[in-house]
Amino acid sequence: MKRTIIIAASLALASCTSTPNDPLTGRPQVNNTATGAGVGAALGALGGLLVAKSKNGDTRKSVLIGAGIGALVGAGAGNYMDRQEQELRSQLQNSGVSVSRVGNSIVLNMPSNITFASDQDALNANFYPVLNSVSIVLNKYPQTLLDIDGHTDSTGSPEYNQQLSERRAVSVGRFLNSQRVDARRLLIVGFGETRPIASNDTDSGRAANRRVEIRITPIT
């Protein structure tokens, strides 16, 4: 399975480059399209605050703990996530965003019909208040890692769907970061059409597959 991982760099490091870079991808702000898995290597020059999931594993945890954000211990992690889940459910009632619990992780499923116009990667302005509510809760509970995963249906070419899923995930991540969600917590991944949750043979199934998910995992 081919996927592209887009690495989130700290705003401070991004601002030190001679050409203005996107704070989430670390790349020049020409457009939102990622060009492949080589992004990580290109970002290596930015320094030690890069966060990535690579062959060396997910380094976000060690980066954040090193920055003074403590890890959760034992039953405290479950209680921490219980409280966060309750607040997210309260904030997201009737928003169209579903909240699921998987062990100690929380998954927010954001269907594309409420987040993006058809075949577009710019967030619907009407969705800003919803994402702002999510940001408020995420900032209140900083001891978590945030995976932002973009998904599409199977309509169109795999290459196009891959790029669209990446751009949409970046749009969500960029908005969260604009609301002061720490970029070092973020990992942005485009999966294209490779992870359907419903059949692509029906309109309703394809609609379900077009989504961005935020997976919230405690730092333990």
N, C-alpha and C. Protein backbone atom coordinates (compact mmCIF):
# COMPACT_ATOMS: atom_id res chain seq x y z
N MET A 1 0.84 -1.19 0.00
CA MET A 1 0.00 0.00 0.00
C MET A 1 0.87 1.24 0.00
N LYS A 2 0.64 2.11 -0.96
CA LYS A 2 1.41 3.35 -1.03
C LYS A 2 0.68 4.44 -0.28
N ARG A 3 1.37 5.15 0.56
CA ARG A 3 0.79 6.31 1.21
C ARG A 3 1.88 7.34 1.38
N THR A 4 1.48 8.57 1.51
CA THR A 4 2.43 9.65 1.72
C THR A 4 2.25 10.19 3.12
N ILE A 5 3.34 10.35 3.84
CA ILE A 5 3.30 10.92 5.17
C ILE A 5 3.82 12.35 5.08
N ILE A 6 3.03 13.28 5.54
CA ILE A 6 3.39 14.68 5.53
C ILE A 6 3.81 15.05 6.93
N ILE A 7 4.99 15.58 7.09
CA ILE A 7 5.56 15.80 8.40
C ILE A 7 5.25 17.21 8.88
N ALA A 8 4.84 17.33 10.14
CA ALA A 8 4.57 18.63 10.74
C ALA A 8 5.82 19.14 11.42
N ALA A 9 6.25 20.34 11.09
CA ALA A 9 7.43 20.95 11.71
C ALA A 9 6.99 22.10 12.59
N SER A 10 7.83 22.46 13.53
CA SER A 10 7.49 23.58 14.41
C SER A 10 7.45 24.87 13.63
N LEU A 11 6.56 25.78 14.05
CA LEU A 11 6.45 27.07 13.37
C LEU A 11 7.75 27.85 13.47
N ALA A 12 8.42 27.74 14.60
CA ALA A 12 9.64 28.50 14.79
C ALA A 12 10.70 28.09 13.78
N LEU A 13 10.84 26.79 13.57
CA LEU A 13 11.84 26.33 12.61
C LEU A 13 11.46 26.71 11.21
N ALA A 14 10.16 26.58 10.88
CA ALA A 14 9.73 26.91 9.53
C ALA A 14 10.01 28.37 9.23
N SER A 15 9.86 29.24 10.22
CA SER A 15 10.04 30.66 9.99
C SER A 15 11.51 31.04 9.82
N CYS A 16 12.44 30.13 10.16
CA CYS A 16 13.86 30.43 10.06
C CYS A 16 14.41 30.19 8.66
N THR A 17 13.64 29.58 7.76
CA THR A 17 14.13 29.31 6.43
C THR A 17 14.07 30.58 5.59
N SER A 18 14.86 30.64 4.53
CA SER A 18 14.90 31.84 3.72
C SER A 18 13.64 32.02 2.90
N THR A 19 12.97 30.93 2.54
CA THR A 19 11.71 30.99 1.81
C THR A 19 10.59 30.60 2.75
N PRO A 20 9.49 31.39 2.83
CA PRO A 20 8.40 31.04 3.76
C PRO A 20 7.89 29.64 3.49
N ASN A 21 7.82 28.83 4.52
CA ASN A 21 7.38 27.46 4.39
C ASN A 21 6.07 27.25 5.10
N ASP A 22 5.31 26.26 4.62
CA ASP A 22 4.08 25.88 5.30
C ASP A 22 4.42 25.30 6.67
N PRO A 23 3.75 25.73 7.76
CA PRO A 23 4.12 25.26 9.10
C PRO A 23 3.84 23.80 9.33
N LEU A 24 2.97 23.19 8.51
CA LEU A 24 2.65 21.79 8.72
C LEU A 24 3.49 20.85 7.87
N THR A 25 3.78 21.28 6.64
CA THR A 25 4.55 20.39 5.78
C THR A 25 6.02 20.78 5.73
N GLY A 26 6.33 22.05 6.10
CA GLY A 26 7.70 22.52 6.01
C GLY A 26 8.14 22.83 4.60
N ARG A 27 7.20 22.80 3.65
CA ARG A 27 7.55 23.02 2.25
C ARG A 27 7.15 24.42 1.82
N PRO A 28 7.77 24.97 0.76
CA PRO A 28 7.38 26.29 0.27
C PRO A 28 5.89 26.34 -0.04
N GLN A 29 5.25 27.47 0.28
CA GLN A 29 3.81 27.57 0.15
C GLN A 29 3.41 27.90 -1.29
N VAL A 30 3.65 26.97 -2.18
CA VAL A 30 3.23 27.13 -3.56
C VAL A 30 1.84 26.58 -3.74
N ASN A 31 1.61 25.37 -3.22
CA ASN A 31 0.28 24.78 -3.22
C ASN A 31 0.25 23.73 -2.14
N ASN A 32 -0.89 23.05 -2.00
CA ASN A 32 -1.06 22.09 -0.92
C ASN A 32 -0.69 20.67 -1.30
N THR A 33 -0.24 20.46 -2.53
CA THR A 33 -0.07 19.10 -3.01
C THR A 33 1.26 18.52 -2.57
N ALA A 34 1.23 17.41 -1.87
CA ALA A 34 2.46 16.71 -1.52
C ALA A 34 2.95 15.95 -2.74
N THR A 35 4.26 15.77 -2.83
CA THR A 35 4.80 15.13 -4.02
C THR A 35 5.40 13.77 -3.76
N GLY A 36 5.22 13.22 -2.57
CA GLY A 36 5.70 11.87 -2.35
C GLY A 36 6.35 11.68 -1.02
N ALA A 37 6.75 10.44 -0.80
CA ALA A 37 7.28 10.07 0.50
C ALA A 37 8.65 10.67 0.78
N GLY A 38 9.25 11.32 -0.23
CA GLY A 38 10.53 11.97 -0.01
C GLY A 38 10.44 13.26 0.77
N VAL A 39 9.24 13.67 1.14
CA VAL A 39 9.07 14.90 1.91
C VAL A 39 9.91 14.86 3.17
N GLY A 40 9.92 13.72 3.86
CA GLY A 40 10.65 13.61 5.12
C GLY A 40 12.11 13.92 4.96
N ALA A 41 12.74 13.40 3.90
CA ALA A 41 14.16 13.66 3.68
C ALA A 41 14.41 15.13 3.40
N ALA A 42 13.51 15.76 2.63
CA ALA A 42 13.69 17.17 2.30
C ALA A 42 13.60 18.04 3.54
N LEU A 43 12.84 17.60 4.52
CA LEU A 43 12.65 18.39 5.73
C LEU A 43 13.76 18.18 6.75
N GLY A 44 14.64 17.22 6.52
CA GLY A 44 15.64 16.89 7.51
C GLY A 44 16.49 18.07 7.93
N ALA A 45 16.72 19.01 7.01
CA ALA A 45 17.58 20.15 7.31
C ALA A 45 16.95 21.11 8.31
N LEU A 46 15.66 20.97 8.59
CA LEU A 46 15.01 21.92 9.49
C LEU A 46 15.41 21.71 10.95
N GLY A 47 15.92 20.53 11.29
CA GLY A 47 16.43 20.38 12.64
C GLY A 47 15.67 19.42 13.50
N GLY A 48 15.93 19.50 14.83
CA GLY A 48 15.51 18.46 15.75
C GLY A 48 14.06 18.45 16.14
N LEU A 49 13.29 19.51 15.84
CA LEU A 49 11.91 19.53 16.29
C LEU A 49 10.94 18.99 15.27
N LEU A 50 11.45 18.37 14.22
CA LEU A 50 10.57 17.69 13.28
C LEU A 50 9.91 16.52 13.98
N VAL A 51 8.65 16.26 13.64
CA VAL A 51 7.98 15.10 14.18
C VAL A 51 7.55 14.24 13.02
N ALA A 52 7.79 12.95 13.11
CA ALA A 52 7.50 12.09 11.97
C ALA A 52 7.27 10.68 12.40
N LYS A 53 6.54 9.96 11.58
CA LYS A 53 6.48 8.52 11.71
C LYS A 53 7.26 7.96 10.52
N SER A 54 8.35 7.31 10.79
CA SER A 54 9.23 6.84 9.74
C SER A 54 9.72 5.45 10.11
N LYS A 55 10.75 5.00 9.42
CA LYS A 55 11.31 3.69 9.73
C LYS A 55 11.89 3.67 11.15
N ASN A 56 12.16 4.85 11.69
CA ASN A 56 12.68 4.92 13.06
C ASN A 56 11.57 5.04 14.10
N GLY A 57 10.33 4.98 13.66
CA GLY A 57 9.21 5.06 14.59
C GLY A 57 8.68 6.47 14.73
N ASP A 58 7.61 6.60 15.48
CA ASP A 58 6.96 7.88 15.69
C ASP A 58 7.72 8.64 16.77
N THR A 59 8.32 9.75 16.38
CA THR A 59 9.16 10.51 17.31
C THR A 59 8.41 11.61 18.05
N ARG A 60 7.14 11.77 17.77
CA ARG A 60 6.40 12.87 18.40
C ARG A 60 6.41 12.76 19.91
N LYS A 61 6.22 11.55 20.41
CA LYS A 61 6.13 11.38 21.86
C LYS A 61 7.39 11.89 22.55
N SER A 62 8.55 11.47 22.07
CA SER A 62 9.79 11.89 22.71
C SER A 62 10.01 13.38 22.55
N VAL A 63 9.63 13.95 21.41
CA VAL A 63 9.78 15.39 21.20
C VAL A 63 8.94 16.16 22.21
N LEU A 64 7.69 15.75 22.39
CA LEU A 64 6.79 16.47 23.28
C LEU A 64 7.18 16.29 24.74
N ILE A 65 7.54 15.07 25.11
CA ILE A 65 7.99 14.85 26.49
C ILE A 65 9.25 15.66 26.77
N GLY A 66 10.15 15.70 25.79
CA GLY A 66 11.36 16.50 25.94
C GLY A 66 11.06 17.99 26.08
N ALA A 67 9.91 18.42 25.53
CA ALA A 67 9.53 19.82 25.62
C ALA A 67 8.76 20.13 26.90
N GLY A 68 8.60 19.12 27.77
CA GLY A 68 7.98 19.36 29.06
C GLY A 68 6.52 18.98 29.15
N ILE A 69 5.98 18.34 28.11
CA ILE A 69 4.60 17.87 28.17
C ILE A 69 4.62 16.46 28.74
N GLY A 70 4.10 16.30 29.94
CA GLY A 70 4.23 15.03 30.64
C GLY A 70 3.43 13.91 30.03
N ALA A 71 3.89 12.69 30.28
CA ALA A 71 3.17 11.50 29.83
C ALA A 71 2.13 11.10 30.87
N LEU A 72 1.07 10.45 30.41
CA LEU A 72 0.03 9.94 31.29
C LEU A 72 0.41 8.55 31.77
N VAL A 73 0.04 8.22 32.99
CA VAL A 73 0.46 6.97 33.60
C VAL A 73 -0.76 6.16 34.02
N GLY A 74 -0.73 4.85 33.69
CA GLY A 74 -1.72 3.91 34.19
C GLY A 74 -3.15 4.31 33.89
N ALA A 75 -4.01 4.19 34.92
CA ALA A 75 -5.42 4.48 34.75
C ALA A 75 -5.67 5.95 34.46
N GLY A 76 -4.67 6.78 34.75
CA GLY A 76 -4.83 8.21 34.48
C GLY A 76 -5.06 8.50 33.02
N ALA A 77 -4.49 7.67 32.13
CA ALA A 77 -4.68 7.88 30.70
C ALA A 77 -6.13 7.67 30.31
N GLY A 78 -6.73 6.60 30.83
CA GLY A 78 -8.13 6.32 30.52
C GLY A 78 -9.05 7.41 31.02
N ASN A 79 -8.80 7.90 32.22
CA ASN A 79 -9.62 8.97 32.78
C ASN A 79 -9.48 10.26 31.98
N TYR A 80 -8.25 10.54 31.57
CA TYR A 80 -7.97 11.74 30.76
C TYR A 80 -8.75 11.68 29.45
N MET A 81 -8.74 10.51 28.80
CA MET A 81 -9.44 10.36 27.53
C MET A 81 -10.95 10.33 27.73
N ASP A 82 -11.41 9.79 28.84
CA ASP A 82 -12.85 9.80 29.14
C ASP A 82 -13.37 11.23 29.18
N ARG A 83 -12.64 12.09 29.89
CA ARG A 83 -13.08 13.48 30.02
C ARG A 83 -13.02 14.21 28.68
N GLN A 84 -11.98 13.92 27.91
CA GLN A 84 -11.86 14.56 26.60
C GLN A 84 -12.98 14.09 25.67
N GLU A 85 -13.26 12.79 25.70
CA GLU A 85 -14.34 12.26 24.87
C GLU A 85 -15.68 12.91 25.21
N GLN A 86 -15.96 13.05 26.48
CA GLN A 86 -17.22 13.65 26.91
C GLN A 86 -17.35 15.08 26.39
N GLU A 87 -16.27 15.83 26.47
CA GLU A 87 -16.32 17.21 26.00
C GLU A 87 -16.46 17.28 24.48
N LEU A 88 -15.78 16.39 23.76
CA LEU A 88 -15.92 16.37 22.30
C LEU A 88 -17.34 16.01 21.89
N ARG A 89 -17.92 15.02 22.55
CA ARG A 89 -19.30 14.64 22.22
C ARG A 89 -20.26 15.82 22.48
N SER A 90 -20.02 16.53 23.55
CA SER A 90 -20.87 17.68 23.85
C SER A 90 -20.71 18.77 22.80
N GLN A 91 -19.48 19.06 22.41
CA GLN A 91 -19.22 20.11 21.44
C GLN A 91 -19.72 19.75 20.05
N LEU A 92 -19.72 18.47 19.71
CA LEU A 92 -19.98 18.05 18.33
C LEU A 92 -21.39 17.51 18.10
N GLN A 93 -22.26 17.65 19.07
CA GLN A 93 -23.65 17.22 18.88
C GLN A 93 -24.25 17.93 17.67
N ASN A 94 -24.90 17.14 16.79
CA ASN A 94 -25.60 17.67 15.61
C ASN A 94 -24.68 18.38 14.62
N SER A 95 -23.38 18.11 14.71
CA SER A 95 -22.43 18.75 13.79
C SER A 95 -22.19 17.93 12.53
N GLY A 96 -22.57 16.65 12.55
CA GLY A 96 -22.25 15.75 11.45
C GLY A 96 -20.96 15.00 11.65
N VAL A 97 -20.19 15.36 12.69
CA VAL A 97 -18.94 14.67 13.00
C VAL A 97 -19.24 13.59 14.03
N SER A 98 -18.81 12.37 13.75
CA SER A 98 -19.02 11.27 14.70
C SER A 98 -17.81 11.12 15.60
N VAL A 99 -18.07 10.72 16.84
CA VAL A 99 -17.03 10.50 17.84
C VAL A 99 -17.06 9.04 18.24
N SER A 100 -15.95 8.34 18.04
CA SER A 100 -15.86 6.92 18.39
C SER A 100 -14.71 6.71 19.36
N ARG A 101 -14.86 5.71 20.21
CA ARG A 101 -13.81 5.36 21.16
C ARG A 101 -13.26 4.00 20.78
N VAL A 102 -11.95 3.91 20.63
CA VAL A 102 -11.26 2.66 20.32
C VAL A 102 -10.17 2.49 21.37
N GLY A 103 -10.43 1.70 22.40
CA GLY A 103 -9.49 1.59 23.50
C GLY A 103 -9.33 2.94 24.17
N ASN A 104 -8.09 3.39 24.30
CA ASN A 104 -7.84 4.71 24.88
C ASN A 104 -7.72 5.80 23.83
N SER A 105 -8.05 5.48 22.59
CA SER A 105 -8.01 6.48 21.52
C SER A 105 -9.41 6.95 21.17
N ILE A 106 -9.50 8.16 20.66
CA ILE A 106 -10.75 8.75 20.19
C ILE A 106 -10.60 9.03 18.70
N VAL A 107 -11.63 8.69 17.92
CA VAL A 107 -11.60 8.94 16.49
C VAL A 107 -12.75 9.88 16.13
N LEU A 108 -12.41 10.99 15.49
CA LEU A 108 -13.40 11.92 14.96
C LEU A 108 -13.49 11.70 13.45
N ASN A 109 -14.67 11.36 12.98
CA ASN A 109 -14.89 11.10 11.56
C ASN A 109 -15.62 12.30 10.96
N MET A 110 -14.96 12.96 10.03
CA MET A 110 -15.50 14.17 9.41
C MET A 110 -15.82 13.88 7.95
N PRO A 111 -17.08 13.61 7.63
CA PRO A 111 -17.44 13.30 6.24
C PRO A 111 -17.21 14.48 5.31
N SER A 112 -16.85 14.20 4.07
CA SER A 112 -16.49 15.29 3.16
C SER A 112 -17.68 16.16 2.80
N ASN A 113 -18.91 15.64 2.93
CA ASN A 113 -20.05 16.46 2.54
C ASN A 113 -20.24 17.67 3.46
N ILE A 114 -19.66 17.63 4.66
CA ILE A 114 -19.76 18.80 5.54
C ILE A 114 -18.44 19.56 5.65
N THR A 115 -17.37 18.97 5.18
CA THR A 115 -16.06 19.61 5.33
C THR A 115 -15.56 20.27 4.05
N PHE A 116 -15.88 19.69 2.89
CA PHE A 116 -15.34 20.18 1.62
C PHE A 116 -16.41 20.19 0.55
N ALA A 117 -16.30 21.11 -0.39
CA ALA A 117 -17.11 21.05 -1.60
C ALA A 117 -16.62 19.89 -2.46
N SER A 118 -17.45 19.44 -3.37
CA SER A 118 -17.10 18.30 -4.22
C SER A 118 -15.79 18.55 -4.95
N ASP A 119 -14.86 17.59 -4.79
CA ASP A 119 -13.60 17.59 -5.51
C ASP A 119 -12.70 18.77 -5.13
N GLN A 120 -12.93 19.37 -3.96
CA GLN A 120 -12.14 20.51 -3.52
C GLN A 120 -11.39 20.17 -2.24
N ASP A 121 -10.30 20.93 -1.97
CA ASP A 121 -9.54 20.69 -0.74
C ASP A 121 -9.59 21.87 0.22
N ALA A 122 -10.32 22.92 -0.13
CA ALA A 122 -10.50 24.06 0.77
C ALA A 122 -11.68 23.79 1.69
N LEU A 123 -11.48 24.01 2.98
CA LEU A 123 -12.54 23.75 3.95
C LEU A 123 -13.75 24.65 3.70
N ASN A 124 -14.95 24.07 3.86
CA ASN A 124 -16.16 24.88 3.83
C ASN A 124 -16.14 25.87 4.99
N ALA A 125 -16.43 27.12 4.69
CA ALA A 125 -16.44 28.13 5.75
C ALA A 125 -17.45 27.80 6.83
N ASN A 126 -18.55 27.14 6.46
CA ASN A 126 -19.57 26.77 7.45
C ASN A 126 -19.05 25.75 8.46
N PHE A 127 -17.92 25.09 8.13
CA PHE A 127 -17.36 24.08 9.02
C PHE A 127 -16.35 24.67 9.99
N TYR A 128 -15.96 25.91 9.79
CA TYR A 128 -14.98 26.53 10.68
C TYR A 128 -15.40 26.48 12.15
N PRO A 129 -16.66 26.84 12.49
CA PRO A 129 -17.02 26.81 13.91
C PRO A 129 -16.90 25.42 14.53
N VAL A 130 -17.18 24.37 13.73
CA VAL A 130 -17.06 23.00 14.25
C VAL A 130 -15.60 22.69 14.55
N LEU A 131 -14.71 22.98 13.62
CA LEU A 131 -13.29 22.71 13.84
C LEU A 131 -12.74 23.60 14.95
N ASN A 132 -13.27 24.79 15.08
CA ASN A 132 -12.83 25.64 16.18
C ASN A 132 -13.19 25.02 17.52
N SER A 133 -14.40 24.42 17.61
CA SER A 133 -14.80 23.74 18.84
C SER A 133 -13.88 22.56 19.13
N VAL A 134 -13.51 21.81 18.08
CA VAL A 134 -12.58 20.70 18.25
C VAL A 134 -11.24 21.23 18.77
N SER A 135 -10.78 22.34 18.20
CA SER A 135 -9.49 22.91 18.60
C SER A 135 -9.49 23.30 20.08
N ILE A 136 -10.58 23.86 20.55
CA ILE A 136 -10.67 24.26 21.96
C ILE A 136 -10.45 23.06 22.87
N VAL A 137 -11.09 21.94 22.53
CA VAL A 137 -10.95 20.74 23.36
C VAL A 137 -9.54 20.18 23.24
N LEU A 138 -9.00 20.12 22.02
CA LEU A 138 -7.65 19.58 21.83
C LEU A 138 -6.61 20.40 22.59
N ASN A 139 -6.80 21.71 22.64
CA ASN A 139 -5.86 22.55 23.38
C ASN A 139 -6.00 22.37 24.89
N LYS A 140 -7.18 22.00 25.33
CA LYS A 140 -7.40 21.78 26.76
C LYS A 140 -6.75 20.48 27.22
N TYR A 141 -6.56 19.54 26.29
CA TYR A 141 -5.97 18.23 26.60
C TYR A 141 -4.72 18.04 25.75
N PRO A 142 -3.61 18.67 26.10
CA PRO A 142 -2.42 18.65 25.24
C PRO A 142 -1.61 17.36 25.30
N GLN A 143 -1.94 16.46 26.23
CA GLN A 143 -1.13 15.24 26.37
C GLN A 143 -1.62 14.14 25.44
N THR A 144 -1.83 14.52 24.19
CA THR A 144 -2.29 13.57 23.18
C THR A 144 -1.56 13.82 21.87
N LEU A 145 -1.45 12.77 21.07
CA LEU A 145 -0.95 12.85 19.70
C LEU A 145 -2.15 12.86 18.75
N LEU A 146 -2.02 13.59 17.65
CA LEU A 146 -3.14 13.78 16.73
C LEU A 146 -2.75 13.31 15.33
N ASP A 147 -3.36 12.21 14.89
CA ASP A 147 -3.15 11.72 13.53
C ASP A 147 -4.31 12.21 12.68
N ILE A 148 -4.01 12.92 11.61
CA ILE A 148 -5.03 13.43 10.70
C ILE A 148 -4.92 12.67 9.40
N ASP A 149 -5.93 11.84 9.12
CA ASP A 149 -5.89 10.92 7.99
C ASP A 149 -6.92 11.30 6.94
N GLY A 150 -6.48 11.48 5.69
CA GLY A 150 -7.39 11.78 4.60
C GLY A 150 -7.73 10.53 3.82
N HIS A 151 -9.01 10.40 3.41
CA HIS A 151 -9.50 9.23 2.68
C HIS A 151 -10.44 9.68 1.55
N THR A 152 -10.49 8.91 0.48
CA THR A 152 -11.40 9.18 -0.63
C THR A 152 -12.16 7.91 -1.00
N ASP A 153 -13.13 8.06 -1.92
CA ASP A 153 -13.74 6.88 -2.53
C ASP A 153 -12.86 6.44 -3.70
N SER A 154 -13.35 5.49 -4.48
CA SER A 154 -12.53 4.95 -5.57
C SER A 154 -12.81 5.60 -6.92
N THR A 155 -13.64 6.64 -6.95
CA THR A 155 -13.91 7.34 -8.19
C THR A 155 -12.67 8.13 -8.60
N GLY A 156 -12.27 8.01 -9.84
CA GLY A 156 -11.06 8.68 -10.30
C GLY A 156 -9.85 7.78 -10.17
N SER A 157 -8.70 8.29 -10.59
CA SER A 157 -7.49 7.47 -10.57
C SER A 157 -6.93 7.38 -9.16
N PRO A 158 -6.23 6.29 -8.84
CA PRO A 158 -5.61 6.17 -7.52
C PRO A 158 -4.65 7.32 -7.23
N GLU A 159 -3.92 7.77 -8.23
CA GLU A 159 -2.96 8.85 -8.02
C GLU A 159 -3.67 10.15 -7.65
N TYR A 160 -4.76 10.44 -8.35
CA TYR A 160 -5.50 11.66 -8.05
C TYR A 160 -6.12 11.58 -6.66
N ASN A 161 -6.70 10.43 -6.33
CA ASN A 161 -7.31 10.27 -5.02
C ASN A 161 -6.29 10.39 -3.90
N GLN A 162 -5.08 9.87 -4.14
CA GLN A 162 -4.02 9.99 -3.14
C GLN A 162 -3.72 11.45 -2.86
N GLN A 163 -3.55 12.22 -3.92
CA GLN A 163 -3.22 13.63 -3.75
C GLN A 163 -4.36 14.41 -3.10
N LEU A 164 -5.60 14.10 -3.49
CA LEU A 164 -6.74 14.79 -2.89
C LEU A 164 -6.83 14.49 -1.39
N SER A 165 -6.61 13.23 -1.02
CA SER A 165 -6.68 12.87 0.40
C SER A 165 -5.61 13.60 1.20
N GLU A 166 -4.43 13.76 0.61
CA GLU A 166 -3.35 14.49 1.29
C GLU A 166 -3.72 15.96 1.47
N ARG A 167 -4.20 16.58 0.40
CA ARG A 167 -4.51 18.01 0.46
C ARG A 167 -5.62 18.28 1.48
N ARG A 168 -6.61 17.42 1.54
CA ARG A 168 -7.70 17.63 2.48
C ARG A 168 -7.23 17.46 3.92
N ALA A 169 -6.40 16.46 4.16
CA ALA A 169 -5.86 16.26 5.50
C ALA A 169 -5.01 17.46 5.92
N VAL A 170 -4.21 17.99 4.99
CA VAL A 170 -3.40 19.16 5.28
C VAL A 170 -4.28 20.36 5.62
N SER A 171 -5.40 20.53 4.91
CA SER A 171 -6.30 21.65 5.19
C SER A 171 -6.83 21.59 6.61
N VAL A 172 -7.20 20.39 7.06
CA VAL A 172 -7.69 20.24 8.43
C VAL A 172 -6.57 20.53 9.42
N GLY A 173 -5.39 19.95 9.17
CA GLY A 173 -4.26 20.19 10.06
C GLY A 173 -3.87 21.64 10.13
N ARG A 174 -3.89 22.32 8.98
CA ARG A 174 -3.53 23.73 8.96
C ARG A 174 -4.51 24.57 9.78
N PHE A 175 -5.79 24.23 9.67
CA PHE A 175 -6.78 24.98 10.45
C PHE A 175 -6.56 24.77 11.94
N LEU A 176 -6.35 23.52 12.36
CA LEU A 176 -6.11 23.27 13.77
C LEU A 176 -4.90 24.04 14.27
N ASN A 177 -3.83 24.04 13.47
CA ASN A 177 -2.63 24.76 13.87
C ASN A 177 -2.88 26.26 13.96
N SER A 178 -3.75 26.79 13.10
CA SER A 178 -4.09 28.21 13.15
C SER A 178 -4.84 28.55 14.43
N GLN A 179 -5.43 27.53 15.06
CA GLN A 179 -6.14 27.72 16.33
C GLN A 179 -5.25 27.32 17.51
N ARG A 180 -3.95 27.36 17.31
CA ARG A 180 -2.94 27.14 18.35
C ARG A 180 -2.78 25.69 18.79
N VAL A 181 -3.28 24.75 18.01
CA VAL A 181 -2.96 23.35 18.29
C VAL A 181 -1.51 23.13 17.90
N ASP A 182 -0.72 22.62 18.82
CA ASP A 182 0.73 22.46 18.65
C ASP A 182 1.03 21.56 17.44
N ALA A 183 1.77 22.11 16.47
CA ALA A 183 2.10 21.35 15.26
C ALA A 183 2.91 20.11 15.57
N ARG A 184 3.62 20.10 16.70
CA ARG A 184 4.44 18.93 17.03
C ARG A 184 3.59 17.72 17.41
N ARG A 185 2.32 17.92 17.66
CA ARG A 185 1.42 16.81 17.98
C ARG A 185 0.88 16.14 16.71
N LEU A 186 1.04 16.78 15.56
CA LEU A 186 0.32 16.37 14.36
C LEU A 186 1.12 15.41 13.48
N LEU A 187 0.42 14.45 12.94
CA LEU A 187 0.95 13.61 11.86
C LEU A 187 -0.13 13.55 10.81
N ILE A 188 0.15 14.01 9.60
CA ILE A 188 -0.83 14.14 8.54
C ILE A 188 -0.53 13.11 7.45
N VAL A 189 -1.51 12.27 7.16
CA VAL A 189 -1.30 11.16 6.22
C VAL A 189 -2.44 11.11 5.22
N GLY A 190 -2.12 10.94 3.94
CA GLY A 190 -3.12 10.68 2.91
C GLY A 190 -3.14 9.20 2.57
N PHE A 191 -4.31 8.59 2.66
CA PHE A 191 -4.45 7.17 2.32
C PHE A 191 -5.17 6.96 0.99
N GLY A 192 -5.62 8.03 0.35
CA GLY A 192 -6.33 7.87 -0.91
C GLY A 192 -7.54 6.99 -0.76
N GLU A 193 -7.68 6.03 -1.67
CA GLU A 193 -8.84 5.14 -1.69
C GLU A 193 -8.56 3.79 -1.02
N THR A 194 -7.43 3.66 -0.32
CA THR A 194 -6.97 2.35 0.12
C THR A 194 -7.63 1.84 1.41
N ARG A 195 -8.36 2.69 2.13
CA ARG A 195 -8.95 2.27 3.39
C ARG A 195 -10.45 2.58 3.44
N PRO A 196 -11.24 1.95 2.57
CA PRO A 196 -12.68 2.21 2.60
C PRO A 196 -13.32 1.64 3.86
N ILE A 197 -14.38 2.30 4.32
CA ILE A 197 -15.16 1.79 5.45
C ILE A 197 -16.53 1.32 4.99
N ALA A 198 -16.80 1.44 3.68
CA ALA A 198 -18.06 1.00 3.10
C ALA A 198 -17.81 0.63 1.65
N SER A 199 -18.81 0.03 1.00
CA SER A 199 -18.67 -0.38 -0.39
C SER A 199 -18.63 0.84 -1.30
N ASN A 200 -17.72 0.82 -2.25
CA ASN A 200 -17.67 1.88 -3.26
C ASN A 200 -18.64 1.63 -4.40
N ASP A 201 -19.48 0.61 -4.28
CA ASP A 201 -20.44 0.28 -5.33
C ASP A 201 -21.74 1.06 -5.20
N THR A 202 -21.92 1.80 -4.10
CA THR A 202 -23.15 2.56 -3.89
C THR A 202 -22.81 4.01 -3.59
N ASP A 203 -23.77 4.90 -3.85
CA ASP A 203 -23.56 6.32 -3.56
C ASP A 203 -23.32 6.54 -2.07
N SER A 204 -24.11 5.86 -1.24
CA SER A 204 -23.96 6.05 0.20
C SER A 204 -22.62 5.52 0.69
N GLY A 205 -22.17 4.41 0.11
CA GLY A 205 -20.87 3.87 0.49
C GLY A 205 -19.74 4.79 0.10
N ARG A 206 -19.80 5.33 -1.11
CA ARG A 206 -18.74 6.25 -1.55
C ARG A 206 -18.74 7.51 -0.68
N ALA A 207 -19.92 7.98 -0.31
CA ALA A 207 -19.99 9.16 0.56
C ALA A 207 -19.34 8.89 1.91
N ALA A 208 -19.55 7.68 2.44
CA ALA A 208 -18.95 7.32 3.73
C ALA A 208 -17.43 7.26 3.62
N ASN A 209 -16.93 6.83 2.48
CA ASN A 209 -15.48 6.68 2.32
C ASN A 209 -14.76 8.01 2.14
N ARG A 210 -15.46 9.03 1.70
CA ARG A 210 -14.85 10.36 1.54
C ARG A 210 -14.87 11.06 2.90
N ARG A 211 -13.71 11.11 3.56
CA ARG A 211 -13.70 11.60 4.93
C ARG A 211 -12.28 12.01 5.35
N VAL A 212 -12.22 12.78 6.41
CA VAL A 212 -10.98 13.02 7.12
C VAL A 212 -11.21 12.57 8.55
N GLU A 213 -10.28 11.80 9.09
CA GLU A 213 -10.38 11.32 10.46
C GLU A 213 -9.27 11.95 11.30
N ILE A 214 -9.62 12.31 12.52
CA ILE A 214 -8.62 12.74 13.50
C ILE A 214 -8.59 11.68 14.59
N ARG A 215 -7.44 11.03 14.76
CA ARG A 215 -7.27 10.00 15.80
C ARG A 215 -6.47 10.62 16.93
N ILE A 216 -7.05 10.61 18.11
CA ILE A 216 -6.47 11.25 19.28
C ILE A 216 -5.99 10.16 20.22
N THR A 217 -4.69 10.12 20.47
CA THR A 217 -4.08 9.04 21.26
C THR A 217 -3.31 9.64 22.43
N PRO A 218 -3.48 9.10 23.64
CA PRO A 218 -2.78 9.67 24.79
C PRO A 218 -1.28 9.44 24.72
N ILE A 219 -0.52 10.39 25.24
CA ILE A 219 0.92 10.22 25.41
C ILE A 219 1.13 9.45 26.71
N THR A 220 1.64 8.24 26.61
CA THR A 220 1.81 7.38 27.79
C THR A 220 3.27 6.96 27.92
